[in-house]
């Protein structure tokens, strides 16, 4: 086996101004139980001391390689740089604030090797650093849409393919040769640069396998993250969808996946509309509206009433009307959750009183049981005394 082939997994991590947490991220990667790994850190023009931190770690661990971009390329371009430098049989792209289970790569690589998978996907959870709260992310893999098979291809998912997974790369172990043979590259756009790459890979993959183990924690709600500043690059979402549509057409898949694509576009873009604020909203809304109208979707194209309702809102309302509609929906959801919270509180109080009553009842039963035990003990003593008396009588009889 050559030196290049001896690397099982290349871990590619673009970093930018991550001095506050990159050491924690790398400690979880360096503690992997899979030994044959390389860690490629692409420093994308950090202006804090991120480069000094990762360079110092590289001096102490030969598995780490640091690439220092001379110009700012963003996440997509930096991942491409890391991919070009990778030598592993498989690659995984992590964010600089992800935290991985120490057996993540061993478990995923074992599955990949066992069935010669093109991609292995694990379960994930979110981590909010401000609240120090972990939460499951069941929607990252929609089990109900998957075939009951150890491995499958996109063709085995008959409908709603684009909502089966989330198109980020950090929960997916990808065969590197498959990437290079299909000349796949991340889009070099500020945000949403992973959607096209991951989705195109998954559409073409012949052996997809899901490992139902939560092996990675993805950090959310970090104020300085790109996802938290999408208003500065709101057009990237549409650019990614345009590239995806062109790829689907090029691969001759559009006839089979057109309905899936329409549903995904509506859901994906409404999520962006609902999470972008400020002056970027109005121009982005107009762009989204034109894009969704151009889908030429009919009412029976949608998989459920919620997507149909979202399509109706986007295609018929002005930006101002949409904002009022969003406010109304948020208020209704708030009322629902407040009512639900009140009902749950009442249920808790009822259970508390019931438990207190149960405790009193248990105390009474305990006392009664104690009295019965005392009477039983007394009767046993009486029986022993009578038995002894009878035996004594028989001795003198």
Foldseek 3Di string as FASTA:
>chain_A
DDPLAQAAEEEEEEDAQLVPALVVQVVQVVLAPDDRYAYEYEYQPHPDCPVVVLVVVCVVDVSYDYHYDPHHQADQVSVVVSLVVHRHQKYFYDYSRKHWHNHLVVVQSVLCVVVVFQKEFEFAWEAEVVVRDIGGDCQQAVVVQADPDQWAALVRRQALSLSRHDQDGRRMIGRSVLCVVVVAGFDRAHPPRRNQRRVLSRNPTGTYGYDYDHTMYHYPDDCPDSVNVCLVVVCVVVVSLVSNVVSCVVVVNCVRCLLSSLLCLLVVLVVSLLNDDDPSNQVSLVVSLVVNVVSVDDQVSYPDPVSSVSSCLSPPDHSVVSVVVSVVVVVVVVVVVVVVVVVVVVVVVVVVVVVVVVVVVVVVVVVVVVVVVVVVVVVVVVVVVVVVVVVVVVVVD
